[in-house]
Amino acid sequence: MMIGNKQHRLEFGKQRSYGSTAVEFALILPLLIAMFYAIFVYGYVFVLHQALNYASEEAARAAVAVVNGGPGAAALRTAQATTAVNQALSFLPAAQLGLVSINVQSPPPGGGLYTTQVTLTMTISGLFPAIPLPGIGSVPPLPATLQAISTD
């Protein structure tokens, strides 16, 4: 069809497709938000787990450096391990650092192989809110605790 110098084509269905883009975007947006949120949360949990592994290794090294024997050796090992954990996890906010529990198992007095095992446990169940999605469930599904065990 010619109107003046411009040619206009009549395309059937073109006028009705303008709103479909907004509807498709509205349907996909929650899935995109959930995907990006899950990527962020899993990345942070991965960093936390690696930091716990590093902190438990440093705590085991610090605890094994204490000379075996003596009346206060176990308490000194625990204090050294706690100091090492606090230094290794110093990047965490104080509220998250308070979620980390430390367990130092010293060798039995009187001999045997001298090893010290340090177990760090961090409760992460309330750290991130879960987003409930219909048909998928809660995003992201996370473990209740993270644990790192090191023996030196």
Protein backbone atom coordinates (compact mmCIF):
# COMPACT_ATOMS: atom_id res chain seq x y z
CA MET A 1 0.00 0.00 0.00
CA MET A 2 1.38 3.43 -0.93
CA ILE A 3 0.68 6.50 1.13
CA GLY A 4 2.50 9.55 -0.18
CA ASN A 5 6.15 8.61 -0.78
CA LYS A 6 6.23 5.93 1.93
CA GLN A 7 5.34 2.35 1.41
CA HIS A 8 3.66 0.57 4.30
CA ARG A 9 3.37 -3.15 4.45
CA LEU A 10 0.57 -4.82 6.21
CA GLU A 11 2.00 -7.56 8.34
CA PHE A 12 -0.54 -9.82 9.88
CA GLY A 13 -0.03 -10.62 13.58
CA LYS A 14 2.56 -7.88 14.11
CA GLN A 15 0.24 -5.68 16.14
CA ARG A 16 -0.59 -8.46 18.59
CA SER A 17 3.05 -9.50 19.28
CA TYR A 18 4.07 -6.34 21.14
CA GLY A 19 2.65 -7.47 24.50
CA SER A 20 4.00 -11.00 24.24
CA THR A 21 7.55 -9.83 24.91
CA ALA A 22 6.53 -8.36 28.25
CA VAL A 23 4.65 -11.54 29.18
CA GLU A 24 7.61 -13.75 28.25
CA PHE A 25 9.94 -11.49 30.24
CA ALA A 26 7.60 -11.67 33.26
CA LEU A 27 7.62 -15.47 33.07
CA ILE A 28 11.40 -15.80 32.73
CA LEU A 29 12.49 -13.08 35.20
CA PRO A 30 11.86 -15.10 38.40
CA LEU A 31 13.92 -17.98 37.02
CA LEU A 32 16.78 -15.64 36.09
CA ILE A 33 16.73 -14.01 39.53
CA ALA A 34 16.73 -17.44 41.22
CA MET A 35 19.60 -18.60 39.02
CA PHE A 36 21.76 -15.56 39.79
CA TYR A 37 20.91 -15.78 43.48
CA ALA A 38 21.86 -19.47 43.56
CA ILE A 39 25.16 -18.74 41.77
CA PHE A 40 25.99 -16.02 44.33
CA VAL A 41 25.02 -18.17 47.33
CA TYR A 42 26.85 -21.28 46.11
CA GLY A 43 29.93 -19.17 45.38
CA TYR A 44 29.87 -17.72 48.88
CA VAL A 45 29.36 -21.15 50.46
CA PHE A 46 32.26 -22.51 48.40
CA VAL A 47 34.49 -19.66 49.65
CA LEU A 48 33.38 -20.37 53.22
CA HIS A 49 34.19 -24.06 52.88
CA GLN A 50 37.62 -23.38 51.43
CA ALA A 51 38.29 -20.83 54.18
CA LEU A 52 37.29 -23.40 56.81
CA ASN A 53 39.67 -25.94 55.27
CA TYR A 54 42.50 -23.42 55.32
CA ALA A 55 41.70 -22.34 58.89
CA SER A 56 41.61 -25.93 60.13
CA GLU A 57 45.01 -26.62 58.53
CA GLU A 58 46.49 -23.52 60.16
CA ALA A 59 44.91 -24.41 63.50
CA ALA A 60 46.33 -27.94 63.35
CA ARG A 61 49.80 -26.55 62.60
CA ALA A 62 49.54 -24.12 65.50
CA ALA A 63 48.26 -26.78 67.90
CA VAL A 64 50.92 -29.35 67.01
CA ALA A 65 53.64 -26.78 67.70
CA VAL A 66 52.78 -26.88 71.41
CA VAL A 67 55.14 -29.19 73.30
CA ASN A 68 53.39 -32.34 74.46
CA GLY A 69 53.08 -32.86 78.17
CA GLY A 70 52.67 -30.49 81.04
CA PRO A 71 49.51 -29.74 82.94
CA GLY A 72 48.20 -27.00 80.62
CA ALA A 73 49.25 -28.40 77.25
CA ALA A 74 45.69 -29.24 76.08
CA ALA A 75 44.38 -25.81 76.99
CA LEU A 76 47.36 -24.16 75.30
CA ARG A 77 46.78 -26.23 72.14
CA THR A 78 43.14 -25.15 72.05
CA ALA A 79 44.12 -21.50 72.59
CA GLN A 80 46.72 -21.64 69.81
CA ALA A 81 44.24 -23.31 67.47
CA THR A 82 41.56 -20.72 68.27
CA THR A 83 43.99 -17.87 67.60
CA ALA A 84 45.00 -19.43 64.27
CA VAL A 85 41.35 -19.88 63.25
CA ASN A 86 40.49 -16.29 64.16
CA GLN A 87 43.43 -15.03 62.10
CA ALA A 88 42.61 -17.23 59.11
CA LEU A 89 38.93 -16.25 59.17
CA SER A 90 39.48 -12.58 59.96
CA PHE A 91 37.75 -11.56 56.71
CA LEU A 92 34.41 -12.85 58.01
CA PRO A 93 31.99 -10.55 59.83
CA ALA A 94 31.87 -11.10 63.59
CA ALA A 95 28.37 -12.59 63.41
CA GLN A 96 29.53 -15.27 60.95
CA LEU A 97 32.76 -15.91 62.84
CA GLY A 98 30.61 -16.65 65.90
CA LEU A 99 28.99 -19.53 63.99
CA VAL A 100 32.30 -21.44 63.82
CA SER A 101 32.92 -24.03 66.52
CA ILE A 102 36.40 -25.45 67.17
CA ASN A 103 37.18 -28.92 68.49
CA VAL A 104 40.83 -29.82 69.17
CA GLN A 105 41.64 -33.44 69.93
CA SER A 106 45.02 -33.72 71.55
CA PRO A 107 47.07 -36.89 71.72
CA PRO A 108 46.71 -39.04 74.80
CA PRO A 109 49.36 -38.30 77.41
CA GLY A 110 52.19 -40.72 77.68
CA GLY A 111 53.13 -41.59 74.16
CA GLY A 112 52.00 -42.91 70.89
CA LEU A 113 52.02 -41.02 67.64
CA TYR A 114 51.88 -37.31 68.28
CA THR A 115 49.01 -35.93 66.20
CA THR A 116 46.44 -33.25 66.78
CA GLN A 117 43.11 -33.20 64.99
CA VAL A 118 41.21 -29.93 64.56
CA THR A 119 37.56 -29.99 63.52
CA LEU A 120 35.81 -26.77 62.49
CA THR A 121 32.05 -26.73 62.10
CA MET A 122 30.08 -23.75 60.81
CA THR A 123 26.30 -23.56 60.93
CA ILE A 124 25.02 -21.92 57.74
CA SER A 125 21.34 -22.86 57.93
CA GLY A 126 20.14 -19.29 58.57
CA LEU A 127 22.86 -17.47 56.67
CA PHE A 128 20.92 -17.09 53.41
CA PRO A 129 17.15 -17.07 52.98
CA ALA A 130 15.72 -19.68 50.65
CA ILE A 131 13.48 -18.56 47.81
CA PRO A 132 10.50 -20.91 47.33
CA LEU A 133 9.72 -21.44 43.65
CA PRO A 134 6.62 -23.36 42.56
CA GLY A 135 7.52 -26.59 40.83
CA ILE A 136 11.21 -26.30 41.75
CA GLY A 137 11.23 -26.03 45.53
CA SER A 138 13.41 -23.78 47.65
CA VAL A 139 16.41 -22.22 45.94
CA PRO A 140 19.20 -22.80 46.78
CA PRO A 141 19.21 -26.10 48.68
CA LEU A 142 22.11 -25.80 51.14
CA PRO A 143 23.56 -28.05 53.83
CA ALA A 144 22.88 -27.07 57.44
CA THR A 145 26.58 -27.09 58.37
CA LEU A 146 30.02 -26.98 56.79
CA GLN A 147 32.80 -29.03 58.33
CA ALA A 148 36.58 -29.10 57.89
CA ILE A 149 38.90 -31.61 59.58
CA SER A 150 42.68 -31.40 59.58
CA THR A 151 45.24 -33.62 61.25
CA ASP A 152 48.84 -32.63 61.81
